[in-house]
PDB file of N, CA and C in Angstrom:
ATOM      1  N   MET A   1       0.838  -1.182   0.000  1.00  0.00           N
ATOM      2  CA  MET A   1       0.000   0.000   0.000  1.00  0.00           C
ATOM      3  C   MET A   1       0.886   1.250   0.000  1.00  0.00           C
ATOM      4  N   ALA A   2       0.625   2.165  -0.897  1.00  0.00           N
ATOM      5  CA  ALA A   2       1.379   3.409  -0.959  1.00  0.00           C
ATOM      6  C   ALA A   2       0.998   4.301   0.208  1.00  0.00           C
ATOM      7  N   ARG A   3       2.001   4.893   0.776  1.00  0.00           N
ATOM      8  CA  ARG A   3       1.753   5.805   1.881  1.00  0.00           C
ATOM      9  C   ARG A   3       1.745   7.227   1.344  1.00  0.00           C
ATOM     10  N   GLU A   4       0.613   7.897   1.502  1.00  0.00           N
ATOM     11  CA  GLU A   4       0.514   9.260   1.020  1.00  0.00           C
ATOM     12  C   GLU A   4      -0.504  10.031   1.840  1.00  0.00           C
ATOM     13  N   VAL A   5      -0.167  11.261   2.125  1.00  0.00           N
ATOM     14  CA  VAL A   5      -1.053  12.195   2.807  1.00  0.00           C
ATOM     15  C   VAL A   5      -1.060  13.448   1.955  1.00  0.00           C
ATOM     16  N   SER A   6      -2.222  14.012   1.723  1.00  0.00           N
ATOM     17  CA  SER A   6      -2.261  15.245   0.942  1.00  0.00           C
ATOM     18  C   SER A   6      -3.190  16.251   1.609  1.00  0.00           C
ATOM     19  N   THR A   7      -2.949  17.511   1.279  1.00  0.00           N
ATOM     20  CA  THR A   7      -3.797  18.580   1.797  1.00  0.00           C
ATOM     21  C   THR A   7      -3.824  19.727   0.809  1.00  0.00           C
ATOM     22  N   ASN A   8      -4.960  20.384   0.765  1.00  0.00           N
ATOM     23  CA  ASN A   8      -5.084  21.575  -0.062  1.00  0.00           C
ATOM     24  C   ASN A   8      -5.347  22.807   0.796  1.00  0.00           C
ATOM     25  N   GLY A   9      -5.275  22.653   2.095  1.00  0.00           N
ATOM     26  CA  GLY A   9      -5.444  23.781   2.992  1.00  0.00           C
ATOM     27  C   GLY A   9      -6.680  23.721   3.855  1.00  0.00           C
ATOM     28  N   ARG A  10      -7.638  22.872   3.521  1.00  0.00           N
ATOM     29  CA  ARG A  10      -8.870  22.795   4.306  1.00  0.00           C
ATOM     30  C   ARG A  10      -8.748  21.878   5.517  1.00  0.00           C
ATOM     31  N   LYS A  11      -7.641  21.207   5.620  1.00  0.00           N
ATOM     32  CA  LYS A  11      -7.421  20.258   6.702  1.00  0.00           C
ATOM     33  C   LYS A  11      -6.852  20.990   7.924  1.00  0.00           C
ATOM     34  N   LYS A  12      -7.300  20.597   9.111  1.00  0.00           N
ATOM     35  CA  LYS A  12      -6.725  21.165  10.329  1.00  0.00           C
ATOM     36  C   LYS A  12      -5.286  20.702  10.461  1.00  0.00           C
ATOM     37  N   VAL A  13      -4.470  21.564  11.019  1.00  0.00           N
ATOM     38  CA  VAL A  13      -3.053  21.257  11.189  1.00  0.00           C
ATOM     39  C   VAL A  13      -2.883  19.972  12.007  1.00  0.00           C
ATOM     40  N   GLU A  14      -3.612  19.841  13.112  1.00  0.00           N
ATOM     41  CA  GLU A  14      -3.450  18.649  13.957  1.00  0.00           C
ATOM     42  C   GLU A  14      -3.873  17.375  13.217  1.00  0.00           C
ATOM     43  N   THR A  15      -4.855  17.457  12.346  1.00  0.00           N
ATOM     44  CA  THR A  15      -5.268  16.305  11.547  1.00  0.00           C
ATOM     45  C   THR A  15      -4.163  15.910  10.581  1.00  0.00           C
ATOM     46  N   LEU A  16      -3.570  16.902   9.918  1.00  0.00           N
ATOM     47  CA  LEU A  16      -2.471  16.633   9.002  1.00  0.00           C
ATOM     48  C   LEU A  16      -1.302  15.999   9.745  1.00  0.00           C
ATOM     49  N   MET A  17      -0.982  16.509  10.922  1.00  0.00           N
ATOM     50  CA  MET A  17       0.114  15.956  11.715  1.00  0.00           C
ATOM     51  C   MET A  17      -0.151  14.499  12.096  1.00  0.00           C
ATOM     52  N   LYS A  18      -1.368  14.198  12.509  1.00  0.00           N
ATOM     53  CA  LYS A  18      -1.724  12.824  12.890  1.00  0.00           C
ATOM     54  C   LYS A  18      -1.682  11.889  11.684  1.00  0.00           C
ATOM     55  N   GLU A  19      -2.208  12.326  10.559  1.00  0.00           N
ATOM     56  CA  GLU A  19      -2.202  11.503   9.350  1.00  0.00           C
ATOM     57  C   GLU A  19      -0.774  11.233   8.884  1.00  0.00           C
ATOM     58  N   PHE A  20       0.058  12.252   8.938  1.00  0.00           N
ATOM     59  CA  PHE A  20       1.462  12.086   8.558  1.00  0.00           C
ATOM     60  C   PHE A  20       2.121  11.037   9.450  1.00  0.00           C
ATOM     61  N   ASN A  21       1.932  11.166  10.754  1.00  0.00           N
ATOM     62  CA  ASN A  21       2.554  10.235  11.699  1.00  0.00           C
ATOM     63  C   ASN A  21       2.005   8.824  11.554  1.00  0.00           C
ATOM     64  N   ALA A  22       0.748   8.685  11.189  1.00  0.00           N
ATOM     65  CA  ALA A  22       0.169   7.353  10.983  1.00  0.00           C
ATOM     66  C   ALA A  22       0.836   6.649   9.797  1.00  0.00           C
ATOM     67  N   ASN A  23       1.242   7.408   8.783  1.00  0.00           N
ATOM     68  CA  ASN A  23       1.888   6.840   7.610  1.00  0.00           C
ATOM     69  C   ASN A  23       3.396   6.701   7.757  1.00  0.00           C
ATOM     70  N   PHE A  24       3.991   7.551   8.569  1.00  0.00           N
ATOM     71  CA  PHE A  24       5.433   7.538   8.803  1.00  0.00           C
ATOM     72  C   PHE A  24       5.641   7.581  10.320  1.00  0.00           C
ATOM     73  N   PRO A  25       5.450   6.446  11.005  1.00  0.00           N
ATOM     74  CA  PRO A  25       5.356   6.433  12.462  1.00  0.00           C
ATOM     75  C   PRO A  25       6.625   6.804  13.225  1.00  0.00           C
ATOM     76  N   TYR A  26       7.770   6.788  12.582  1.00  0.00           N
ATOM     77  CA  TYR A  26       9.001   7.162  13.277  1.00  0.00           C
ATOM     78  C   TYR A  26       9.395   8.611  12.997  1.00  0.00           C
ATOM     79  N   LEU A  27       8.509   9.314  12.300  1.00  0.00           N
ATOM     80  CA  LEU A  27       8.729  10.723  11.980  1.00  0.00           C
ATOM     81  C   LEU A  27       7.544  11.527  12.484  1.00  0.00           C
ATOM     82  N   ASN A  28       7.754  12.808  12.655  1.00  0.00           N
ATOM     83  CA  ASN A  28       6.627  13.683  12.956  1.00  0.00           C
ATOM     84  C   ASN A  28       6.802  14.979  12.192  1.00  0.00           C
ATOM     85  N   LEU A  29       5.726  15.703  12.101  1.00  0.00           N
ATOM     86  CA  LEU A  29       5.644  16.897  11.284  1.00  0.00           C
ATOM     87  C   LEU A  29       5.349  18.088  12.181  1.00  0.00           C
ATOM     88  N   THR A  30       6.100  19.154  12.025  1.00  0.00           N
ATOM     89  CA  THR A  30       5.767  20.399  12.706  1.00  0.00           C
ATOM     90  C   THR A  30       5.570  21.473  11.650  1.00  0.00           C
ATOM     91  N   ILE A  31       4.615  22.345  11.893  1.00  0.00           N
ATOM     92  CA  ILE A  31       4.265  23.388  10.939  1.00  0.00           C
ATOM     93  C   ILE A  31       4.271  24.723  11.659  1.00  0.00           C
ATOM     94  N   GLY A  32       4.819  25.708  11.019  1.00  0.00           N
ATOM     95  CA  GLY A  32       4.871  27.034  11.619  1.00  0.00           C
ATOM     96  C   GLY A  32       5.476  28.029  10.653  1.00  0.00           C
ATOM     97  N   SER A  33       6.123  29.026  11.221  1.00  0.00           N
ATOM     98  CA  SER A  33       6.749  30.054  10.396  1.00  0.00           C
ATOM     99  C   SER A  33       8.050  30.491  11.049  1.00  0.00           C
ATOM    100  N   MET A  34       8.896  31.070  10.240  1.00  0.00           N
ATOM    101  CA  MET A  34      10.138  31.623  10.755  1.00  0.00           C
ATOM    102  C   MET A  34       9.885  33.079  11.078  1.00  0.00           C
ATOM    103  N   GLY A  35      10.152  33.451  12.313  1.00  0.00           N
ATOM    104  CA  GLY A  35       9.920  34.817  12.742  1.00  0.00           C
ATOM    105  C   GLY A  35      11.066  35.736  12.371  1.00  0.00           C
ATOM    106  N   GLU A  36      10.851  37.011  12.600  1.00  0.00           N
ATOM    107  CA  GLU A  36      11.903  37.986  12.342  1.00  0.00           C
ATOM    108  C   GLU A  36      13.122  37.734  13.207  1.00  0.00           C
ATOM    109  N   ASP A  37      12.917  37.004  14.311  1.00  0.00           N
ATOM    110  CA  ASP A  37      14.018  36.667  15.206  1.00  0.00           C
ATOM    111  C   ASP A  37      14.776  35.426  14.732  1.00  0.00           C
ATOM    112  N   SER A  38      14.461  34.945  13.526  1.00  0.00           N
ATOM    113  CA  SER A  38      15.071  33.760  12.917  1.00  0.00           C
ATOM    114  C   SER A  38      14.825  32.488  13.721  1.00  0.00           C
ATOM    115  N   LYS A  39      13.762  32.470  14.479  1.00  0.00           N
ATOM    116  CA  LYS A  39      13.383  31.281  15.238  1.00  0.00           C
ATOM    117  C   LYS A  39      12.092  30.712  14.659  1.00  0.00           C
ATOM    118  N   PHE A  40      11.959  29.405  14.788  1.00  0.00           N
ATOM    119  CA  PHE A  40      10.760  28.721  14.325  1.00  0.00           C
ATOM    120  C   PHE A  40       9.644  28.934  15.346  1.00  0.00           C
ATOM    121  N   HIS A  41       8.467  29.315  14.867  1.00  0.00           N
ATOM    122  CA  HIS A  41       7.297  29.520  15.718  1.00  0.00           C
ATOM    123  C   HIS A  41       6.199  28.566  15.271  1.00  0.00           C
ATOM    124  N   SER A  42       5.806  27.662  16.160  1.00  0.00           N
ATOM    125  CA  SER A  42       4.743  26.704  15.834  1.00  0.00           C
ATOM    126  C   SER A  42       3.432  27.436  15.645  1.00  0.00           C
ATOM    127  N   CYS A  43       2.575  26.866  14.842  1.00  0.00           N
ATOM    128  CA  CYS A  43       1.274  27.466  14.582  1.00  0.00           C
ATOM    129  C   CYS A  43       0.203  26.859  15.491  1.00  0.00           C
ATOM    130  N   ASP A  44      -0.964  27.449  15.457  1.00  0.00           N
ATOM    131  CA  ASP A  44      -2.116  26.953  16.200  1.00  0.00           C
ATOM    132  C   ASP A  44      -2.642  25.721  15.478  1.00  0.00           C
ATOM    133  N   ARG A  45      -2.507  24.556  16.104  1.00  0.00           N
ATOM    134  CA  ARG A  45      -2.879  23.287  15.472  1.00  0.00           C
ATOM    135  C   ARG A  45      -4.380  23.106  15.291  1.00  0.00           C
ATOM    136  N   THR A  46      -5.182  23.910  15.968  1.00  0.00           N
ATOM    137  CA  THR A  46      -6.629  23.760  15.863  1.00  0.00           C
ATOM    138  C   THR A  46      -7.192  24.457  14.628  1.00  0.00           C
ATOM    139  N   LYS A  47      -6.352  25.201  13.930  1.00  0.00           N
ATOM    140  CA  LYS A  47      -6.788  25.930  12.734  1.00  0.00           C
ATOM    141  C   LYS A  47      -6.477  25.130  11.477  1.00  0.00           C
ATOM    142  N   THR A  48      -7.146  25.487  10.399  1.00  0.00           N
ATOM    143  CA  THR A  48      -6.844  24.860   9.113  1.00  0.00           C
ATOM    144  C   THR A  48      -5.629  25.559   8.508  1.00  0.00           C
ATOM    145  N   LEU A  49      -5.015  24.901   7.559  1.00  0.00           N
ATOM    146  CA  LEU A  49      -3.884  25.522   6.869  1.00  0.00           C
ATOM    147  C   LEU A  49      -4.303  26.798   6.152  1.00  0.00           C
ATOM    148  N   SER A  50      -5.524  26.829   5.626  1.00  0.00           N
ATOM    149  CA  SER A  50      -6.019  28.039   4.958  1.00  0.00           C
ATOM    150  C   SER A  50      -6.109  29.213   5.922  1.00  0.00           C
ATOM    151  N   GLU A  51      -6.418  28.937   7.170  1.00  0.00           N
ATOM    152  CA  GLU A  51      -6.536  30.009   8.162  1.00  0.00           C
ATOM    153  C   GLU A  51      -5.186  30.573   8.582  1.00  0.00           C
ATOM    154  N   ILE A  52      -4.139  29.776   8.492  1.00  0.00           N
ATOM    155  CA  ILE A  52      -2.828  30.243   8.961  1.00  0.00           C
ATOM    156  C   ILE A  52      -1.837  30.510   7.844  1.00  0.00           C
ATOM    157  N   ARG A  53      -2.216  30.159   6.614  1.00  0.00           N
ATOM    158  CA  ARG A  53      -1.275  30.304   5.495  1.00  0.00           C
ATOM    159  C   ARG A  53      -0.806  31.741   5.374  1.00  0.00           C
ATOM    160  N   LEU A  54       0.415  31.914   4.914  1.00  0.00           N
ATOM    161  CA  LEU A  54       0.997  33.231   4.734  1.00  0.00           C
ATOM    162  C   LEU A  54       1.002  33.668   3.273  1.00  0.00           C
ATOM    163  N   LYS A  55       0.762  32.731   2.367  1.00  0.00           N
ATOM    164  CA  LYS A  55       0.661  33.046   0.944  1.00  0.00           C
ATOM    165  C   LYS A  55      -0.768  32.808   0.510  1.00  0.00           C
ATOM    166  N   LYS A  56      -1.307  33.724  -0.231  1.00  0.00           N
ATOM    167  CA  LYS A  56      -2.662  33.582  -0.761  1.00  0.00           C
ATOM    168  C   LYS A  56      -2.605  32.763  -2.040  1.00  0.00           C
ATOM    169  N   GLY A  57      -3.671  32.083  -2.306  1.00  0.00           N
ATOM    170  CA  GLY A  57      -3.731  31.291  -3.519  1.00  0.00           C
ATOM    171  C   GLY A  57      -4.177  29.879  -3.197  1.00  0.00           C
ATOM    172  N   SER A  58      -4.016  29.029  -4.169  1.00  0.00           N
ATOM    173  CA  SER A  58      -4.408  27.646  -3.968  1.00  0.00           C
ATOM    174  C   SER A  58      -3.232  26.750  -4.307  1.00  0.00           C
ATOM    175  N   GLY A  59      -3.309  25.582  -3.855  1.00  0.00           N
ATOM    176  CA  GLY A  59      -2.264  24.613  -4.110  1.00  0.00           C
ATOM    177  C   GLY A  59      -2.450  23.425  -3.192  1.00  0.00           C
ATOM    178  N   GLU A  60      -1.817  22.365  -3.550  1.00  0.00           N
ATOM    179  CA  GLU A  60      -1.923  21.148  -2.761  1.00  0.00           C
ATOM    180  C   GLU A  60      -0.527  20.611  -2.510  1.00  0.00           C
ATOM    181  N   VAL A  61      -0.358  20.012  -1.359  1.00  0.00           N
ATOM    182  CA  VAL A  61       0.897  19.367  -1.013  1.00  0.00           C
ATOM    183  C   VAL A  61       0.593  17.935  -0.644  1.00  0.00           C
ATOM    184  N   SER A  62       1.387  17.029  -1.189  1.00  0.00           N
ATOM    185  CA  SER A  62       1.232  15.629  -0.798  1.00  0.00           C
ATOM    186  C   SER A  62       2.536  15.136  -0.201  1.00  0.00           C
ATOM    187  N   PHE A  63       2.384  14.288   0.782  1.00  0.00           N
ATOM    188  CA  PHE A  63       3.521  13.684   1.455  1.00  0.00           C
ATOM    189  C   PHE A  63       3.515  12.208   1.072  1.00  0.00           C
ATOM    190  N   SER A  64       4.260  11.857   0.050  1.00  0.00           N
ATOM    191  CA  SER A  64       4.330  10.448  -0.343  1.00  0.00           C
ATOM    192  C   SER A  64       5.679   9.904   0.094  1.00  0.00           C
ATOM    193  N   GLY A  65       5.749   8.612   0.229  1.00  0.00           N
ATOM    194  CA  GLY A  65       6.972   7.965   0.674  1.00  0.00           C
ATOM    195  C   GLY A  65       8.150   8.164  -0.257  1.00  0.00           C
ATOM    196  N   ARG A  66       7.884   8.456  -1.520  1.00  0.00           N
ATOM    197  CA  ARG A  66       8.953   8.633  -2.505  1.00  0.00           C
ATOM    198  C   ARG A  66       9.496  10.059  -2.552  1.00  0.00           C
ATOM    199  N   LYS A  67       8.853  10.983  -1.859  1.00  0.00           N
ATOM    200  CA  LYS A  67       9.294  12.378  -1.904  1.00  0.00           C
ATOM    201  C   LYS A  67      10.429  12.622  -0.925  1.00  0.00           C
ATOM    202  N   LYS A  68      11.373  13.432  -1.369  1.00  0.00           N
ATOM    203  CA  LYS A  68      12.485  13.818  -0.501  1.00  0.00           C
ATOM    204  C   LYS A  68      12.024  14.886   0.481  1.00  0.00           C
ATOM    205  N   VAL A  69      12.646  14.890   1.630  1.00  0.00           N
ATOM    206  CA  VAL A  69      12.320  15.865   2.669  1.00  0.00           C
ATOM    207  C   VAL A  69      12.452  17.279   2.124  1.00  0.00           C
ATOM    208  N   GLU A  70      13.529  17.575   1.423  1.00  0.00           N
ATOM    209  CA  GLU A  70      13.746  18.929   0.902  1.00  0.00           C
ATOM    210  C   GLU A  70      12.656  19.348  -0.089  1.00  0.00           C
ATOM    211  N   THR A  71      12.125  18.412  -0.845  1.00  0.00           N
ATOM    212  CA  THR A  71      11.048  18.712  -1.797  1.00  0.00           C
ATOM    213  C   THR A  71       9.779  19.084  -1.052  1.00  0.00           C
ATOM    214  N   ILE A  72       9.475  18.350  -0.010  1.00  0.00           N
ATOM    215  CA  ILE A  72       8.287  18.636   0.789  1.00  0.00           C
ATOM    216  C   ILE A  72       8.392  20.014   1.431  1.00  0.00           C
ATOM    217  N   GLU A  73       9.549  20.303   2.001  1.00  0.00           N
ATOM    218  CA  GLU A  73       9.744  21.607   2.642  1.00  0.00           C
ATOM    219  C   GLU A  73       9.549  22.746   1.634  1.00  0.00           C
ATOM    220  N   LYS A  74      10.096  22.573   0.441  1.00  0.00           N
ATOM    221  CA  LYS A  74       9.984  23.604  -0.598  1.00  0.00           C
ATOM    222  C   LYS A  74       8.544  23.768  -1.076  1.00  0.00           C
ATOM    223  N   GLU A  75       7.865  22.655  -1.350  1.00  0.00           N
ATOM    224  CA  GLU A  75       6.478  22.719  -1.816  1.00  0.00           C
ATOM    225  C   GLU A  75       5.574  23.359  -0.773  1.00  0.00           C
ATOM    226  N   PHE A  76       5.776  23.011   0.471  1.00  0.00           N
ATOM    227  CA  PHE A  76       4.945  23.558   1.540  1.00  0.00           C
ATOM    228  C   PHE A  76       5.140  25.062   1.632  1.00  0.00           C
ATOM    229  N   HIS A  77       6.388  25.500   1.545  1.00  0.00           N
ATOM    230  CA  HIS A  77       6.663  26.935   1.604  1.00  0.00           C
ATOM    231  C   HIS A  77       6.079  27.655   0.382  1.00  0.00           C
ATOM    232  N   ASN A  78       6.245  27.069  -0.797  1.00  0.00           N
ATOM    233  CA  ASN A  78       5.748  27.699  -2.024  1.00  0.00           C
ATOM    234  C   ASN A  78       4.227  27.786  -2.057  1.00  0.00           C
ATOM    235  N   ASN A  79       3.534  26.771  -1.550  1.00  0.00           N
ATOM    236  CA  ASN A  79       2.071  26.747  -1.598  1.00  0.00           C
ATOM    237  C   ASN A  79       1.398  27.487  -0.446  1.00  0.00           C
ATOM    238  N   PHE A  80       1.985  27.421   0.725  1.00  0.00           N
ATOM    239  CA  PHE A  80       1.329  28.000   1.904  1.00  0.00           C
ATOM    240  C   PHE A  80       2.116  29.126   2.570  1.00  0.00           C
ATOM    241  N   GLY A  81       3.379  29.280   2.213  1.00  0.00           N
ATOM    242  CA  GLY A  81       4.205  30.298   2.847  1.00  0.00           C
ATOM    243  C   GLY A  81       4.599  29.923   4.259  1.00  0.00           C
ATOM    244  N   LEU A  82       4.438  28.659   4.604  1.00  0.00           N
ATOM    245  CA  LEU A  82       4.735  28.175   5.953  1.00  0.00           C
ATOM    246  C   LEU A  82       5.950  27.260   5.928  1.00  0.00           C
ATOM    247  N   THR A  83       6.548  27.123   7.074  1.00  0.00           N
ATOM    248  CA  THR A  83       7.691  26.230   7.222  1.00  0.00           C
ATOM    249  C   THR A  83       7.202  24.896   7.761  1.00  0.00           C
ATOM    250  N   VAL A  84       7.614  23.825   7.131  1.00  0.00           N
ATOM    251  CA  VAL A  84       7.311  22.490   7.630  1.00  0.00           C
ATOM    252  C   VAL A  84       8.650  21.840   7.971  1.00  0.00           C
ATOM    253  N   GLN A  85       8.666  21.164   9.102  1.00  0.00           N
ATOM    254  CA  GLN A  85       9.876  20.476   9.508  1.00  0.00           C
ATOM    255  C   GLN A  85       9.541  19.034   9.842  1.00  0.00           C
ATOM    256  N   ILE A  86      10.346  18.137   9.314  1.00  0.00           N
ATOM    257  CA  ILE A  86      10.220  16.724   9.610  1.00  0.00           C
ATOM    258  C   ILE A  86      11.127  16.456  10.808  1.00  0.00           C
ATOM    259  N   CYS A  87      10.582  15.815  11.814  1.00  0.00           N
ATOM    260  CA  CYS A  87      11.314  15.590  13.056  1.00  0.00           C
ATOM    261  C   CYS A  87      11.269  14.122  13.446  1.00  0.00           C
ATOM    262  N   TYR A  88      12.061  13.776  14.443  1.00  0.00           N
ATOM    263  CA  TYR A  88      12.055  12.426  14.997  1.00  0.00           C
ATOM    264  C   TYR A  88      12.486  12.492  16.449  1.00  0.00           C
ATOM    265  N   THR A  89      12.177  11.441  17.188  1.00  0.00           N
ATOM    266  CA  THR A  89      12.529  11.364  18.606  1.00  0.00           C
ATOM    267  C   THR A  89      13.409  10.139  18.824  1.00  0.00           C
ATOM    268  N   THR A  90      14.589  10.343  19.365  1.00  0.00           N
ATOM    269  CA  THR A  90      15.523   9.244  19.583  1.00  0.00           C
ATOM    270  C   THR A  90      14.998   8.306  20.668  1.00  0.00           C
ATOM    271  N   LYS A  91      15.640   7.150  20.799  1.00  0.00           N
ATOM    272  CA  LYS A  91      15.183   6.179  21.793  1.00  0.00           C
ATOM    273  C   LYS A  91      15.302   6.708  23.207  1.00  0.00           C
ATOM    274  N   ASP A  92      16.185   7.686  23.442  1.00  0.00           N
ATOM    275  CA  ASP A  92      16.294   8.274  24.783  1.00  0.00           C
ATOM    276  C   ASP A  92      15.390   9.493  24.975  1.00  0.00           C
ATOM    277  N   GLY A  93      14.485   9.748  23.995  1.00  0.00           N
ATOM    278  CA  GLY A  93      13.463  10.779  24.160  1.00  0.00           C
ATOM    279  C   GLY A  93      13.835  12.171  23.706  1.00  0.00           C
ATOM    280  N   LYS A  94      14.942  12.331  23.021  1.00  0.00           N
ATOM    281  CA  LYS A  94      15.341  13.652  22.531  1.00  0.00           C
ATOM    282  C   LYS A  94      14.781  13.870  21.131  1.00  0.00           C
ATOM    283  N   GLY A  95      14.176  15.027  20.934  1.00  0.00           N
ATOM    284  CA  GLY A  95      13.602  15.359  19.639  1.00  0.00           C
ATOM    285  C   GLY A  95      14.566  16.144  18.777  1.00  0.00           C
ATOM    286  N   TYR A  96      14.589  15.815  17.484  1.00  0.00           N
ATOM    287  CA  TYR A  96      15.486  16.484  16.542  1.00  0.00           C
ATOM    288  C   TYR A  96      14.748  16.809  15.250  1.00  0.00           C
ATOM    289  N   TYR A  97      15.166  17.911  14.619  1.00  0.00           N
ATOM    290  CA  TYR A  97      14.744  18.224  13.272  1.00  0.00           C
ATOM    291  C   TYR A  97      15.681  17.484  12.333  1.00  0.00           C
ATOM    292  N   THR A  98      15.219  17.199  11.119  1.00  0.00           N
ATOM    293  CA  THR A  98      16.099  16.550  10.164  1.00  0.00           C
ATOM    294  C   THR A  98      17.285  17.463   9.855  1.00  0.00           C
ATOM    295  N   ALA A  99      18.420  16.835   9.623  1.00  0.00           N
ATOM    296  CA  ALA A  99      19.652  17.568   9.319  1.00  0.00           C
ATOM    297  C   ALA A  99      19.828  17.641   7.807  1.00  0.00           C
ATOM    298  N   GLU A 100      20.844  18.326   7.395  1.00  0.00           N
ATOM    299  CA  GLU A 100      21.125  18.514   5.968  1.00  0.00           C
ATOM    300  C   GLU A 100      21.188  17.184   5.210  1.00  0.00           C
ATOM    301  N   SER A 101      21.856  16.191   5.759  1.00  0.00           N
ATOM    302  CA  SER A 101      21.965  14.891   5.075  1.00  0.00           C
ATOM    303  C   SER A 101      20.617  14.183   4.998  1.00  0.00           C
ATOM    304  N   ASP A 102      19.749  14.402   5.981  1.00  0.00           N
ATOM    305  CA  ASP A 102      18.418  13.798   5.967  1.00  0.00           C
ATOM    306  C   ASP A 102      17.535  14.388   4.876  1.00  0.00           C
ATOM    307  N   ASN A 103      17.770  15.623   4.519  1.00  0.00           N
ATOM    308  CA  ASN A 103      16.924  16.313   3.546  1.00  0.00           C
ATOM    309  C   ASN A 103      17.009  15.717   2.149  1.00  0.00           C
ATOM    310  N   LYS A 104      18.037  14.951   1.868  1.00  0.00           N
ATOM    311  CA  LYS A 104      18.211  14.300   0.568  1.00  0.00           C
ATOM    312  C   LYS A 104      17.506  12.945   0.515  1.00  0.00           C
ATOM    313  N   LYS A 105      16.983  12.482   1.642  1.00  0.00           N
ATOM    314  CA  LYS A 105      16.344  11.167   1.720  1.00  0.00           C
ATOM    315  C   LYS A 105      14.846  11.289   1.482  1.00  0.00           C
ATOM    316  N   THR A 106      14.264  10.178   1.014  1.00  0.00           N
ATOM    317  CA  THR A 106      12.812  10.136   0.885  1.00  0.00           C
ATOM    318  C   THR A 106      12.217   9.876   2.266  1.00  0.00           C
ATOM    319  N   LEU A 107      10.925  10.118   2.397  1.00  0.00           N
ATOM    320  CA  LEU A 107      10.262   9.856   3.674  1.00  0.00           C
ATOM    321  C   LEU A 107      10.352   8.378   4.056  1.00  0.00           C
ATOM    322  N   THR A 108      10.222   7.491   3.075  1.00  0.00           N
ATOM    323  CA  THR A 108      10.317   6.063   3.368  1.00  0.00           C
ATOM    324  C   THR A 108      11.718   5.704   3.857  1.00  0.00           C
ATOM    325  N   GLU A 109      12.743   6.207   3.184  1.00  0.00           N
ATOM    326  CA  GLU A 109      14.123   5.940   3.611  1.00  0.00           C
ATOM    327  C   GLU A 109      14.368   6.467   5.020  1.00  0.00           C
ATOM    328  N   LEU A 110      13.936   7.679   5.270  1.00  0.00           N
ATOM    329  CA  LEU A 110      14.160   8.300   6.569  1.00  0.00           C
ATOM    330  C   LEU A 110      13.402   7.565   7.673  1.00  0.00           C
ATOM    331  N   ASN A 111      12.169   7.189   7.398  1.00  0.00           N
ATOM    332  CA  ASN A 111      11.363   6.470   8.379  1.00  0.00           C
ATOM    333  C   ASN A 111      12.024   5.128   8.732  1.00  0.00           C
ATOM    334  N   ARG A 112      12.484   4.403   7.711  1.00  0.00           N
ATOM    335  CA  ARG A 112      13.157   3.110   7.940  1.00  0.00           C
ATOM    336  C   ARG A 112      14.447   3.281   8.729  1.00  0.00           C
ATOM    337  N   GLU A 113      15.199   4.326   8.399  1.00  0.00           N
ATOM    338  CA  GLU A 113      16.451   4.587   9.109  1.00  0.00           C
ATOM    339  C   GLU A 113      16.191   4.872  10.587  1.00  0.00           C
ATOM    340  N   LYS A 114      15.205   5.687  10.861  1.00  0.00           N
ATOM    341  CA  LYS A 114      14.908   6.032  12.264  1.00  0.00           C
ATOM    342  C   LYS A 114      14.363   4.822  13.011  1.00  0.00           C
ATOM    343  N   GLU A 115      13.619   3.966  12.333  1.00  0.00           N
ATOM    344  CA  GLU A 115      13.149   2.727  12.948  1.00  0.00           C
ATOM    345  C   GLU A 115      14.342   1.830  13.302  1.00  0.00           C
ATOM    346  N   ALA A 116      15.282   1.684  12.368  1.00  0.00           N
ATOM    347  CA  ALA A 116      16.462   0.844  12.587  1.00  0.00           C
ATOM    348  C   ALA A 116      17.337   1.376  13.722  1.00  0.00           C
ATOM    349  N   ARG A 117      17.330   2.673  13.922  1.00  0.00           N
ATOM    350  CA  ARG A 117      18.117   3.284  15.002  1.00  0.00           C
ATOM    351  C   ARG A 117      17.396   3.268  16.338  1.00  0.00           C
ATOM    352  N   GLY A 118      16.200   2.703  16.376  1.00  0.00           N
ATOM    353  CA  GLY A 118      15.470   2.585  17.622  1.00  0.00           C
ATOM    354  C   GLY A 118      14.748   3.846  18.061  1.00  0.00           C
ATOM    355  N   CYS A 119      14.495   4.733  17.125  1.00  0.00           N
ATOM    356  CA  CYS A 119      13.762   5.960  17.474  1.00  0.00           C
ATOM    357  C   CYS A 119      12.362   5.617  17.954  1.00  0.00           C
ATOM    358  N   GLN A 120      11.785   6.536  18.708  1.00  0.00           N
ATOM    359  CA  GLN A 120      10.448   6.311  19.265  1.00  0.00           C
ATOM    360  C   GLN A 120       9.382   6.453  18.173  1.00  0.00           C
ATOM    361  N   LYS A 121       8.348   5.667  18.318  1.00  0.00           N
ATOM    362  CA  LYS A 121       7.280   5.600  17.340  1.00  0.00           C
ATOM    363  C   LYS A 121       6.061   6.376  17.823  1.00  0.00           C
ATOM    364  N   ASP A 122       5.303   6.914  16.864  1.00  0.00           N
ATOM    365  CA  ASP A 122       4.007   7.552  17.137  1.00  0.00           C
ATOM    366  C   ASP A 122       4.096   8.728  18.105  1.00  0.00           C
ATOM    367  N   ILE A 123       5.061   9.580  17.876  1.00  0.00           N
ATOM    368  CA  ILE A 123       5.193  10.790  18.690  1.00  0.00           C
ATOM    369  C   ILE A 123       5.029  11.974  17.748  1.00  0.00           C
ATOM    370  N   TRP A 124       4.208  12.913  18.123  1.00  0.00           N
ATOM    371  CA  TRP A 124       4.101  14.163  17.374  1.00  0.00           C
ATOM    372  C   TRP A 124       3.927  15.301  18.363  1.00  0.00           C
ATOM    373  N   TYR A 125       4.486  16.420  18.005  1.00  0.00           N
ATOM    374  CA  TYR A 125       4.531  17.569  18.902  1.00  0.00           C
ATOM    375  C   TYR A 125       3.498  18.593  18.532  1.00  0.00           C
TER     376      TYR A 125
END
C-alpha cells in the first residue's frame, strides 16, 4: 500500500500531523513560520492551513513515501508560505529536526532509518 497524505489547505493542522505520523510512524511533522528573530514559531494546530497560510492562492501538497524531505519543505513553503519540519525522537526521548543529510532522503528511507536506530514511534509535537 502506498503511503501518502495530501492537503489543499482545508485540513486542520493537527489532523495533518496525525495523518502524517500514521503513515510515517518514526517521523513527525511540525508546521509554523520563521519569525523575524530567525526562530521557528509553531502554529495553532486547531486551525486549518487556509486560516494560517501566509501566501494567498491555492495549491496542494502531498507527502508520499517517494518524496524527498527537501522537496516537501519547498512545496509547503511555495504553496502555503509556511515552514514544515520533519522531526524524529531518539530512543532516549530527545527530539530532533532533520539535518542537511536527511533532507536528501525520501520519507520512506528516513522512516526506515529512524526505525532501525530505535527511534520512538508515534510521537508528534
